[in-house]
PDB file of all heavy atoms in Angstrom:
ATOM      1  N   LEU A   1     -15.741 -11.517 121.247  1.00  0.00           N
ATOM      2  CA  LEU A   1     -14.776 -11.299 122.299  1.00  0.00           C
ATOM      3  C   LEU A   1     -14.269  -9.747 122.184  1.00  0.00           C
ATOM      4  O   LEU A   1     -14.253  -9.194 123.185  1.00  0.00           O
ATOM      5  CB  LEU A   1     -13.544 -12.266 122.293  1.00  0.00           C
ATOM      6  CG  LEU A   1     -12.751 -12.149 123.635  1.00  0.00           C
ATOM      7  CD1 LEU A   1     -13.541 -12.257 124.855  1.00  0.00           C
ATOM      8  CD2 LEU A   1     -11.720 -13.314 123.516  1.00  0.00           C
ATOM      9  N   VAL A   2     -13.964  -9.455 121.137  1.00  0.00           N
ATOM     10  CA  VAL A   2     -13.400  -8.111 120.803  1.00  0.00           C
ATOM     11  C   VAL A   2     -14.727  -7.049 121.090  1.00  0.00           C
ATOM     12  O   VAL A   2     -14.445  -6.145 121.781  1.00  0.00           O
ATOM     13  CB  VAL A   2     -12.921  -7.863 119.338  1.00  0.00           C
ATOM     14  CG1 VAL A   2     -12.923  -6.309 119.069  1.00  0.00           C
ATOM     15  CG2 VAL A   2     -11.718  -8.539 119.081  1.00  0.00           C
ATOM     16  N   ALA A   3     -15.801  -7.412 120.698  1.00  0.00           N
ATOM     17  CA  ALA A   3     -16.962  -6.562 121.045  1.00  0.00           C
ATOM     18  C   ALA A   3     -17.253  -6.507 122.586  1.00  0.00           C
ATOM     19  O   ALA A   3     -17.552  -5.369 123.074  1.00  0.00           O
ATOM     20  CB  ALA A   3     -18.301  -7.099 120.370  1.00  0.00           C
ATOM     21  N   LEU A   4     -17.038  -7.578 123.309  1.00  0.00           N
ATOM     22  CA  LEU A   4     -17.252  -7.543 124.722  1.00  0.00           C
ATOM     23  C   LEU A   4     -16.184  -6.546 125.376  1.00  0.00           C
ATOM     24  O   LEU A   4     -16.429  -5.864 126.184  1.00  0.00           O
ATOM     25  CB  LEU A   4     -17.193  -8.911 125.289  1.00  0.00           C
ATOM     26  CG  LEU A   4     -18.350  -9.875 125.052  1.00  0.00           C
ATOM     27  CD1 LEU A   4     -17.954 -11.184 125.564  1.00  0.00           C
ATOM     28  CD2 LEU A   4     -19.650  -9.304 125.647  1.00  0.00           C
ATOM     29  N   VAL A   5     -14.968  -6.814 124.840  1.00  0.00           N
ATOM     30  CA  VAL A   5     -13.896  -6.037 125.360  1.00  0.00           C
ATOM     31  C   VAL A   5     -14.155  -4.448 125.124  1.00  0.00           C
ATOM     32  O   VAL A   5     -13.860  -3.547 125.952  1.00  0.00           O
ATOM     33  CB  VAL A   5     -12.518  -6.392 124.895  1.00  0.00           C
ATOM     34  CG1 VAL A   5     -11.402  -5.405 125.118  1.00  0.00           C
ATOM     35  CG2 VAL A   5     -12.076  -7.846 125.307  1.00  0.00           C
ATOM     36  N   GLU A   6     -14.656  -4.150 124.007  1.00  0.00           N
ATOM     37  CA  GLU A   6     -15.069  -2.883 123.643  1.00  0.00           C
ATOM     38  C   GLU A   6     -16.295  -2.251 124.329  1.00  0.00           C
ATOM     39  O   GLU A   6     -16.717  -1.125 124.148  1.00  0.00           O
ATOM     40  CB  GLU A   6     -15.105  -2.605 122.096  1.00  0.00           C
ATOM     41  CG  GLU A   6     -13.871  -2.855 121.367  1.00  0.00           C
ATOM     42  CD  GLU A   6     -13.942  -2.775 119.870  1.00  0.00           C
ATOM     43  OE1 GLU A   6     -15.156  -2.814 119.322  1.00  0.00           O
ATOM     44  OE2 GLU A   6     -12.868  -2.753 119.238  1.00  0.00           O
ATOM     45  N   GLY A   7     -17.030  -3.002 125.079  1.00  0.00           N
ATOM     46  CA  GLY A   7     -18.176  -2.639 125.858  1.00  0.00           C
ATOM     47  C   GLY A   7     -19.495  -2.768 125.238  1.00  0.00           C
ATOM     48  O   GLY A   7     -20.486  -2.371 125.737  1.00  0.00           O
ATOM     49  N   GLN A   8     -19.394  -3.408 124.059  1.00  0.00           N
ATOM     50  CA  GLN A   8     -20.717  -3.753 123.436  1.00  0.00           C
ATOM     51  C   GLN A   8     -21.614  -4.760 124.051  1.00  0.00           C
ATOM     52  O   GLN A   8     -21.003  -5.722 124.665  1.00  0.00           O
ATOM     53  CB  GLN A   8     -20.452  -4.153 121.985  1.00  0.00           C
ATOM     54  CG  GLN A   8     -20.048  -3.132 121.002  1.00  0.00           C
ATOM     55  CD  GLN A   8     -19.785  -3.633 119.569  1.00  0.00           C
ATOM     56  OE1 GLN A   8     -20.643  -4.574 119.266  1.00  0.00           O
ATOM     57  NE2 GLN A   8     -18.974  -3.016 118.765  1.00  0.00           N
ATOM     58  N   THR A   9     -22.858  -4.669 123.948  1.00  0.00           N
ATOM     59  CA  THR A   9     -23.718  -5.725 124.438  1.00  0.00           C
ATOM     60  C   THR A   9     -23.834  -6.717 123.405  1.00  0.00           C
ATOM     61  O   THR A   9     -23.544  -6.520 122.107  1.00  0.00           O
ATOM     62  CB  THR A   9     -25.162  -5.201 124.787  1.00  0.00           C
ATOM     63  OG1 THR A   9     -25.742  -4.813 123.564  1.00  0.00           O
ATOM     64  CG2 THR A   9     -25.042  -3.967 125.753  1.00  0.00           C
ATOM     65  N   LEU A  10     -24.328  -7.958 123.730  1.00  0.00           N
ATOM     66  CA  LEU A  10     -24.496  -8.940 122.736  1.00  0.00           C
ATOM     67  C   LEU A  10     -25.513  -8.529 121.696  1.00  0.00           C
ATOM     68  O   LEU A  10     -25.352  -8.757 120.553  1.00  0.00           O
ATOM     69  CB  LEU A  10     -24.988 -10.192 123.370  1.00  0.00           C
ATOM     70  CG  LEU A  10     -24.101 -11.004 124.370  1.00  0.00           C
ATOM     71  CD1 LEU A  10     -24.682 -12.165 124.973  1.00  0.00           C
ATOM     72  CD2 LEU A  10     -22.684 -11.134 123.682  1.00  0.00           C
ATOM     73  N   LYS A  11     -26.594  -7.880 122.123  1.00  0.00           N
ATOM     74  CA  LYS A  11     -27.666  -7.304 121.125  1.00  0.00           C
ATOM     75  C   LYS A  11     -27.016  -6.349 120.153  1.00  0.00           C
ATOM     76  O   LYS A  11     -27.279  -6.379 118.979  1.00  0.00           O
ATOM     77  CB  LYS A  11     -28.695  -6.664 121.908  1.00  0.00           C
ATOM     78  CG  LYS A  11     -29.821  -6.318 121.120  1.00  0.00           C
ATOM     79  CD  LYS A  11     -30.988  -5.759 121.987  1.00  0.00           C
ATOM     80  CE  LYS A  11     -32.231  -5.364 121.151  1.00  0.00           C
ATOM     81  NZ  LYS A  11     -33.330  -4.866 121.992  1.00  0.00           N
ATOM     82  N   GLN A  12     -26.128  -5.423 120.620  1.00  0.00           N
ATOM     83  CA  GLN A  12     -25.473  -4.441 119.793  1.00  0.00           C
ATOM     84  C   GLN A  12     -24.566  -5.244 118.841  1.00  0.00           C
ATOM     85  O   GLN A  12     -24.478  -4.845 117.643  1.00  0.00           O
ATOM     86  CB  GLN A  12     -24.676  -3.464 120.589  1.00  0.00           C
ATOM     87  CG  GLN A  12     -25.316  -2.517 121.398  1.00  0.00           C
ATOM     88  CD  GLN A  12     -24.602  -1.716 122.476  1.00  0.00           C
ATOM     89  OE1 GLN A  12     -23.532  -2.111 122.856  1.00  0.00           O
ATOM     90  NE2 GLN A  12     -25.170  -0.478 122.756  1.00  0.00           N
ATOM     91  N   HIS A  13     -23.847  -6.182 119.273  1.00  0.00           N
ATOM     92  CA  HIS A  13     -22.855  -6.938 118.352  1.00  0.00           C
ATOM     93  C   HIS A  13     -23.698  -7.715 117.363  1.00  0.00           C
ATOM     94  O   HIS A  13     -23.354  -7.682 116.210  1.00  0.00           O
ATOM     95  CB  HIS A  13     -21.952  -7.838 119.149  1.00  0.00           C
ATOM     96  CG  HIS A  13     -21.150  -8.536 118.270  1.00  0.00           C
ATOM     97  ND1 HIS A  13     -20.013  -8.068 117.679  1.00  0.00           N
ATOM     98  CD2 HIS A  13     -21.069  -9.998 118.085  1.00  0.00           C
ATOM     99  CE1 HIS A  13     -19.433  -9.000 116.976  1.00  0.00           C
ATOM    100  NE2 HIS A  13     -20.051 -10.137 117.313  1.00  0.00           N
ATOM    101  N   ALA A  14     -24.787  -8.228 117.780  1.00  0.00           N
ATOM    102  CA  ALA A  14     -25.609  -9.022 116.795  1.00  0.00           C
ATOM    103  C   ALA A  14     -26.104  -8.096 115.657  1.00  0.00           C
ATOM    104  O   ALA A  14     -26.105  -8.397 114.522  1.00  0.00           O
ATOM    105  CB  ALA A  14     -26.759  -9.713 117.503  1.00  0.00           C
ATOM    106  N   ALA A  15     -26.588  -6.868 116.029  1.00  0.00           N
ATOM    107  CA  ALA A  15     -27.068  -5.960 115.090  1.00  0.00           C
ATOM    108  C   ALA A  15     -25.936  -5.485 114.144  1.00  0.00           C
ATOM    109  O   ALA A  15     -26.011  -5.422 112.832  1.00  0.00           O
ATOM    110  CB  ALA A  15     -27.689  -4.773 115.834  1.00  0.00           C
ATOM    111  N   ALA A  16     -24.794  -5.331 114.704  1.00  0.00           N
ATOM    112  CA  ALA A  16     -23.641  -4.787 113.953  1.00  0.00           C
ATOM    113  C   ALA A  16     -23.119  -5.888 113.002  1.00  0.00           C
ATOM    114  O   ALA A  16     -22.749  -5.482 111.799  1.00  0.00           O
ATOM    115  CB  ALA A  16     -22.473  -4.335 114.705  1.00  0.00           C
ATOM    116  N   GLN A  17     -23.368  -7.173 113.336  1.00  0.00           N
ATOM    117  CA  GLN A  17     -22.858  -8.208 112.359  1.00  0.00           C
ATOM    118  C   GLN A  17     -23.984  -8.730 111.608  1.00  0.00           C
ATOM    119  O   GLN A  17     -23.748  -9.715 110.830  1.00  0.00           O
ATOM    120  CB  GLN A  17     -22.244  -9.304 113.227  1.00  0.00           C
ATOM    121  CG  GLN A  17     -21.056  -9.069 114.027  1.00  0.00           C
ATOM    122  CD  GLN A  17     -19.908  -8.623 113.066  1.00  0.00           C
ATOM    123  OE1 GLN A  17     -19.520  -9.346 112.158  1.00  0.00           O
ATOM    124  NE2 GLN A  17     -19.197  -7.446 113.324  1.00  0.00           N
ATOM    125  N   ALA A  18     -25.229  -8.270 111.712  1.00  0.00           N
ATOM    126  CA  ALA A  18     -26.346  -8.688 111.009  1.00  0.00           C
ATOM    127  C   ALA A  18     -26.661 -10.140 111.217  1.00  0.00           C
ATOM    128  O   ALA A  18     -26.842 -10.775 110.257  1.00  0.00           O
ATOM    129  CB  ALA A  18     -26.193  -8.267 109.542  1.00  0.00           C
ATOM    130  N   VAL A  19     -26.577 -10.556 112.521  1.00  0.00           N
ATOM    131  CA  VAL A  19     -26.839 -11.919 112.843  1.00  0.00           C
ATOM    132  C   VAL A  19     -27.812 -12.012 114.038  1.00  0.00           C
ATOM    133  O   VAL A  19     -28.036 -10.896 114.654  1.00  0.00           O
ATOM    134  CB  VAL A  19     -25.588 -12.921 113.227  1.00  0.00           C
ATOM    135  CG1 VAL A  19     -24.602 -12.932 112.003  1.00  0.00           C
ATOM    136  CG2 VAL A  19     -24.916 -12.323 114.477  1.00  0.00           C
ATOM    137  N   SER A  20     -28.502 -13.065 114.293  1.00  0.00           N
ATOM    138  CA  SER A  20     -29.426 -13.086 115.325  1.00  0.00           C
ATOM    139  C   SER A  20     -28.743 -13.087 116.710  1.00  0.00           C
ATOM    140  O   SER A  20     -27.668 -13.462 116.810  1.00  0.00           O
ATOM    141  CB  SER A  20     -30.343 -14.400 115.203  1.00  0.00           C
ATOM    142  OG  SER A  20     -29.650 -15.519 115.693  1.00  0.00           O
ATOM    143  N   ILE A  21     -29.537 -12.637 117.681  1.00  0.00           N
ATOM    144  CA  ILE A  21     -28.973 -12.660 119.038  1.00  0.00           C
ATOM    145  C   ILE A  21     -28.658 -14.001 119.416  1.00  0.00           C
ATOM    146  O   ILE A  21     -27.721 -14.253 120.198  1.00  0.00           O
ATOM    147  CB  ILE A  21     -29.894 -11.887 120.084  1.00  0.00           C
ATOM    148  CG1 ILE A  21     -29.223 -11.772 121.403  1.00  0.00           C
ATOM    149  CG2 ILE A  21     -31.347 -12.588 120.167  1.00  0.00           C
ATOM    150  CD1 ILE A  21     -28.061 -10.857 121.450  1.00  0.00           C
ATOM    151  N   ASN A  22     -29.448 -15.029 119.021  1.00  0.00           N
ATOM    152  CA  ASN A  22     -29.281 -16.438 119.341  1.00  0.00           C
ATOM    153  C   ASN A  22     -27.992 -16.914 118.812  1.00  0.00           C
ATOM    154  O   ASN A  22     -27.157 -17.699 119.481  1.00  0.00           O
ATOM    155  CB  ASN A  22     -30.385 -17.315 118.904  1.00  0.00           C
ATOM    156  CG  ASN A  22     -31.565 -17.032 119.673  1.00  0.00           C
ATOM    157  OD1 ASN A  22     -31.598 -16.690 120.815  1.00  0.00           O
ATOM    158  ND2 ASN A  22     -32.698 -17.278 119.126  1.00  0.00           N
ATOM    159  N   THR A  23     -27.532 -16.426 117.642  1.00  0.00           N
ATOM    160  CA  THR A  23     -26.219 -16.774 117.023  1.00  0.00           C
ATOM    161  C   THR A  23     -25.050 -16.285 117.921  1.00  0.00           C
ATOM    162  O   THR A  23     -24.164 -17.158 118.402  1.00  0.00           O
ATOM    163  CB  THR A  23     -25.995 -16.223 115.683  1.00  0.00           C
ATOM    164  OG1 THR A  23     -27.053 -16.782 114.869  1.00  0.00           O
ATOM    165  CG2 THR A  23     -24.718 -16.554 115.046  1.00  0.00           C
ATOM    166  N   VAL A  24     -25.156 -15.026 118.379  1.00  0.00           N
ATOM    167  CA  VAL A  24     -24.139 -14.489 119.283  1.00  0.00           C
ATOM    168  C   VAL A  24     -24.160 -15.123 120.580  1.00  0.00           C
ATOM    169  O   VAL A  24     -23.051 -15.445 121.136  1.00  0.00           O
ATOM    170  CB  VAL A  24     -24.400 -12.948 119.304  1.00  0.00           C
ATOM    171  CG1 VAL A  24     -23.424 -12.281 120.339  1.00  0.00           C
ATOM    172  CG2 VAL A  24     -24.367 -12.334 118.012  1.00  0.00           C
ATOM    173  N   ARG A  25     -25.294 -15.493 121.086  1.00  0.00           N
ATOM    174  CA  ARG A  25     -25.309 -16.330 122.461  1.00  0.00           C
ATOM    175  C   ARG A  25     -24.579 -17.661 122.373  1.00  0.00           C
ATOM    176  O   ARG A  25     -23.920 -18.044 123.216  1.00  0.00           O
ATOM    177  CB  ARG A  25     -26.810 -16.455 122.916  1.00  0.00           C
ATOM    178  CG  ARG A  25     -27.318 -15.110 123.474  1.00  0.00           C
ATOM    179  CD  ARG A  25     -28.687 -15.343 124.000  1.00  0.00           C
ATOM    180  NE  ARG A  25     -29.237 -14.153 124.478  1.00  0.00           N
ATOM    181  CZ  ARG A  25     -30.534 -13.748 124.336  1.00  0.00           C
ATOM    182  NH1 ARG A  25     -31.425 -14.443 123.662  1.00  0.00           N
ATOM    183  NH2 ARG A  25     -30.912 -12.528 124.757  1.00  0.00           N
ATOM    184  N   THR A  26     -24.864 -18.350 121.168  1.00  0.00           N
ATOM    185  CA  THR A  26     -24.154 -19.640 120.864  1.00  0.00           C
ATOM    186  C   THR A  26     -22.596 -19.454 120.810  1.00  0.00           C
ATOM    187  O   THR A  26     -21.919 -20.154 121.316  1.00  0.00           O
ATOM    188  CB  THR A  26     -24.732 -20.249 119.624  1.00  0.00           C
ATOM    189  OG1 THR A  26     -26.137 -20.350 119.781  1.00  0.00           O
ATOM    190  CG2 THR A  26     -24.043 -21.421 119.320  1.00  0.00           C
ATOM    191  N   GLN A  27     -22.213 -18.397 120.169  1.00  0.00           N
ATOM    192  CA  GLN A  27     -20.711 -17.954 120.136  1.00  0.00           C
ATOM    193  C   GLN A  27     -20.259 -17.671 121.455  1.00  0.00           C
ATOM    194  O   GLN A  27     -19.171 -18.057 121.807  1.00  0.00           O
ATOM    195  CB  GLN A  27     -20.643 -16.924 119.042  1.00  0.00           C
ATOM    196  CG  GLN A  27     -20.933 -17.154 117.744  1.00  0.00           C
ATOM    197  CD  GLN A  27     -21.158 -16.001 116.690  1.00  0.00           C
ATOM    198  OE1 GLN A  27     -21.248 -14.925 117.200  1.00  0.00           O
ATOM    199  NE2 GLN A  27     -21.022 -16.194 115.331  1.00  0.00           N
ATOM    200  N   LEU A  28     -21.002 -16.926 122.169  1.00  0.00           N
ATOM    201  CA  LEU A  28     -20.658 -16.710 123.563  1.00  0.00           C
ATOM    202  C   LEU A  28     -20.415 -17.893 124.412  1.00  0.00           C
ATOM    203  O   LEU A  28     -19.411 -18.088 125.153  1.00  0.00           O
ATOM    204  CB  LEU A  28     -21.485 -15.679 124.205  1.00  0.00           C
ATOM    205  CG  LEU A  28     -21.222 -15.385 125.732  1.00  0.00           C
ATOM    206  CD1 LEU A  28     -19.998 -14.585 125.863  1.00  0.00           C
ATOM    207  CD2 LEU A  28     -22.451 -14.634 126.428  1.00  0.00           C
ATOM    208  N   ALA A  29     -21.377 -18.819 124.310  1.00  0.00           N
ATOM    209  CA  ALA A  29     -21.246 -20.168 125.108  1.00  0.00           C
ATOM    210  C   ALA A  29     -20.155 -20.884 124.608  1.00  0.00           C
ATOM    211  O   ALA A  29     -19.337 -21.416 125.417  1.00  0.00           O
ATOM    212  CB  ALA A  29     -22.508 -20.981 124.772  1.00  0.00           C
ATOM    213  N   ALA A  30     -19.688 -20.861 123.369  1.00  0.00           N
ATOM    214  CA  ALA A  30     -18.426 -21.487 122.881  1.00  0.00           C
ATOM    215  C   ALA A  30     -17.222 -20.891 123.312  1.00  0.00           C
ATOM    216  O   ALA A  30     -16.281 -21.564 123.770  1.00  0.00           O
ATOM    217  CB  ALA A  30     -18.450 -21.591 121.258  1.00  0.00           C
ATOM    218  N   LEU A  31     -17.286 -19.530 123.489  1.00  0.00           N
ATOM    219  CA  LEU A  31     -16.163 -18.749 123.991  1.00  0.00           C
ATOM    220  C   LEU A  31     -15.941 -19.192 125.485  1.00  0.00           C
ATOM    221  O   LEU A  31     -14.810 -19.424 125.868  1.00  0.00           O
ATOM    222  CB  LEU A  31     -16.427 -17.227 124.018  1.00  0.00           C
ATOM    223  CG  LEU A  31     -16.060 -16.499 122.768  1.00  0.00           C
ATOM    224  CD1 LEU A  31     -16.806 -14.996 122.864  1.00  0.00           C
ATOM    225  CD2 LEU A  31     -14.530 -16.420 122.450  1.00  0.00           C
ATOM    226  N   MET A  32     -17.007 -19.237 126.288  1.00  0.00           N
ATOM    227  CA  MET A  32     -16.855 -19.509 127.689  1.00  0.00           C
ATOM    228  C   MET A  32     -16.337 -20.944 127.793  1.00  0.00           C
ATOM    229  O   MET A  32     -15.477 -21.134 128.666  1.00  0.00           O
ATOM    230  CB  MET A  32     -18.132 -19.381 128.406  1.00  0.00           C
ATOM    231  CG  MET A  32     -18.627 -17.988 128.483  1.00  0.00           C
ATOM    232  SD  MET A  32     -20.114 -17.704 129.429  1.00  0.00           S
ATOM    233  CE  MET A  32     -20.060 -16.104 129.784  1.00  0.00           C
ATOM    234  N   ASP A  33     -16.829 -21.864 126.978  1.00  0.00           N
ATOM    235  CA  ASP A  33     -16.252 -23.251 127.037  1.00  0.00           C
ATOM    236  C   ASP A  33     -14.856 -23.296 126.718  1.00  0.00           C
ATOM    237  O   ASP A  33     -14.055 -24.023 127.396  1.00  0.00           O
ATOM    238  CB  ASP A  33     -17.155 -24.028 126.214  1.00  0.00           C
ATOM    239  CG  ASP A  33     -16.829 -25.606 126.344  1.00  0.00           C
ATOM    240  OD1 ASP A  33     -16.765 -26.179 127.401  1.00  0.00           O
ATOM    241  OD2 ASP A  33     -16.428 -26.179 125.257  1.00  0.00           O
ATOM    242  N   LYS A  34     -14.431 -22.682 125.573  1.00  0.00           N
ATOM    243  CA  LYS A  34     -13.013 -22.770 125.120  1.00  0.00           C
ATOM    244  C   LYS A  34     -12.086 -22.021 126.097  1.00  0.00           C
ATOM    245  O   LYS A  34     -10.931 -22.665 126.222  1.00  0.00           O
ATOM    246  CB  LYS A  34     -12.906 -22.169 123.725  1.00  0.00           C
ATOM    247  CG  LYS A  34     -13.563 -22.957 122.641  1.00  0.00           C
ATOM    248  CD  LYS A  34     -13.400 -22.314 121.332  1.00  0.00           C
ATOM    249  CE  LYS A  34     -13.837 -23.167 120.110  1.00  0.00           C
ATOM    250  NZ  LYS A  34     -13.650 -22.524 118.735  1.00  0.00           N
ATOM    251  N   MET A  35     -12.591 -20.993 126.644  1.00  0.00           N
ATOM    252  CA  MET A  35     -11.687 -20.199 127.660  1.00  0.00           C
ATOM    253  C   MET A  35     -11.824 -20.633 128.939  1.00  0.00           C
ATOM    254  O   MET A  35     -11.048 -20.017 129.911  1.00  0.00           O
ATOM    255  CB  MET A  35     -11.787 -18.808 127.249  1.00  0.00           C
ATOM    256  CG  MET A  35     -11.482 -18.277 125.906  1.00  0.00           C
ATOM    257  SD  MET A  35     -11.880 -16.595 125.464  1.00  0.00           S
ATOM    258  CE  MET A  35     -10.843 -15.672 126.480  1.00  0.00           C
ATOM    259  N   GLY A  36     -12.645 -21.560 129.289  1.00  0.00           N
ATOM    260  CA  GLY A  36     -12.863 -22.050 130.725  1.00  0.00           C
ATOM    261  C   GLY A  36     -13.429 -20.890 131.620  1.00  0.00           C
ATOM    262  O   GLY A  36     -13.013 -20.913 132.752  1.00  0.00           O
ATOM    263  N   CYS A  37     -14.343 -20.181 131.154  1.00  0.00           N
ATOM    264  CA  CYS A  37     -14.792 -18.935 131.937  1.00  0.00           C
ATOM    265  C   CYS A  37     -16.302 -19.189 132.187  1.00  0.00           C
ATOM    266  O   CYS A  37     -17.146 -19.817 131.527  1.00  0.00           O
ATOM    267  CB  CYS A  37     -14.671 -17.783 131.310  1.00  0.00           C
ATOM    268  SG  CYS A  37     -12.980 -17.231 131.010  1.00  0.00           S
ATOM    269  N   GLN A  38     -16.788 -18.654 133.387  1.00  0.00           N
ATOM    270  CA  GLN A  38     -18.244 -18.716 133.719  1.00  0.00           C
ATOM    271  C   GLN A  38     -18.843 -17.424 133.550  1.00  0.00           C
ATOM    272  O   GLN A  38     -20.142 -17.302 133.402  1.00  0.00           O
ATOM    273  CB  GLN A  38     -18.308 -19.070 135.185  1.00  0.00           C
ATOM    274  CG  GLN A  38     -17.739 -20.456 135.534  1.00  0.00           C
ATOM    275  CD  GLN A  38     -18.462 -21.599 134.813  1.00  0.00           C
ATOM    276  OE1 GLN A  38     -19.657 -21.597 134.943  1.00  0.00           O
ATOM    277  NE2 GLN A  38     -17.715 -22.598 134.259  1.00  0.00           N
ATOM    278  N   ARG A  39     -18.137 -16.282 133.403  1.00  0.00           N
ATOM    279  CA  ARG A  39     -18.586 -14.941 133.336  1.00  0.00           C
ATOM    280  C   ARG A  39     -18.066 -14.241 132.230  1.00  0.00           C
ATOM    281  O   ARG A  39     -16.821 -14.431 131.909  1.00  0.00           O
ATOM    282  CB  ARG A  39     -18.465 -14.222 134.723  1.00  0.00           C
ATOM    283  CG  ARG A  39     -19.126 -14.849 135.934  1.00  0.00           C
ATOM    284  CD  ARG A  39     -18.785 -14.085 137.202  1.00  0.00           C
ATOM    285  NE  ARG A  39     -17.470 -14.008 137.381  1.00  0.00           N
ATOM    286  CZ  ARG A  39     -16.963 -13.116 138.226  1.00  0.00           C
ATOM    287  NH1 ARG A  39     -17.621 -12.304 138.863  1.00  0.00           N
ATOM    288  NH2 ARG A  39     -15.613 -12.927 138.214  1.00  0.00           N
ATOM    289  N   GLN A  40     -18.809 -13.237 131.654  1.00  0.00           N
ATOM    290  CA  GLN A  40     -18.335 -12.430 130.506  1.00  0.00           C
ATOM    291  C   GLN A  40     -17.149 -11.596 131.135  1.00  0.00           C
ATOM    292  O   GLN A  40     -16.108 -11.477 130.243  1.00  0.00           O
ATOM    293  CB  GLN A  40     -19.465 -11.469 129.992  1.00  0.00           C
ATOM    294  CG  GLN A  40     -20.469 -12.210 129.256  1.00  0.00           C
ATOM    295  CD  GLN A  40     -21.539 -11.444 128.767  1.00  0.00           C
ATOM    296  OE1 GLN A  40     -21.367 -10.150 128.496  1.00  0.00           O
ATOM    297  NE2 GLN A  40     -22.645 -11.953 128.527  1.00  0.00           N
ATOM    298  N   ILE A  41     -17.116 -11.057 132.289  1.00  0.00           N
ATOM    299  CA  ILE A  41     -16.038 -10.310 132.725  1.00  0.00           C
ATOM    300  C   ILE A  41     -14.724 -11.096 132.595  1.00  0.00           C
ATOM    301  O   ILE A  41     -13.658 -10.488 132.430  1.00  0.00           O
ATOM    302  CB  ILE A  41     -16.326  -9.543 134.042  1.00  0.00           C
ATOM    303  CG1 ILE A  41     -15.182  -8.690 134.409  1.00  0.00           C
ATOM    304  CG2 ILE A  41     -16.370 -10.702 135.190  1.00  0.00           C
ATOM    305  CD1 ILE A  41     -15.123  -7.488 133.477  1.00  0.00           C
ATOM    306  N   ASP A  42     -14.834 -12.383 133.079  1.00  0.00           N
ATOM    307  CA  ASP A  42     -13.621 -13.225 133.009  1.00  0.00           C
ATOM    308  C   ASP A  42     -13.101 -13.404 131.504  1.00  0.00           C
ATOM    309  O   ASP A  42     -11.906 -13.417 131.272  1.00  0.00           O
ATOM    310  CB  ASP A  42     -13.932 -14.572 133.560  1.00  0.00           C
ATOM    311  CG  ASP A  42     -14.293 -14.511 135.129  1.00  0.00           C
ATOM    312  OD1 ASP A  42     -13.737 -13.621 135.734  1.00  0.00           O
ATOM    313  OD2 ASP A  42     -15.051 -15.251 135.558  1.00  0.00           O
TER     314      ASP A  42
END
């Protein structure tokens, strides 16, 4: 979430954290579910 706020792409964040893009996408899906959002901008 901090990375999104700072304007990073998921791919950039994955590289910075040394994790796969699929891991970050899974985390993004969990964020959207927990926060009740449909879009990253929300």
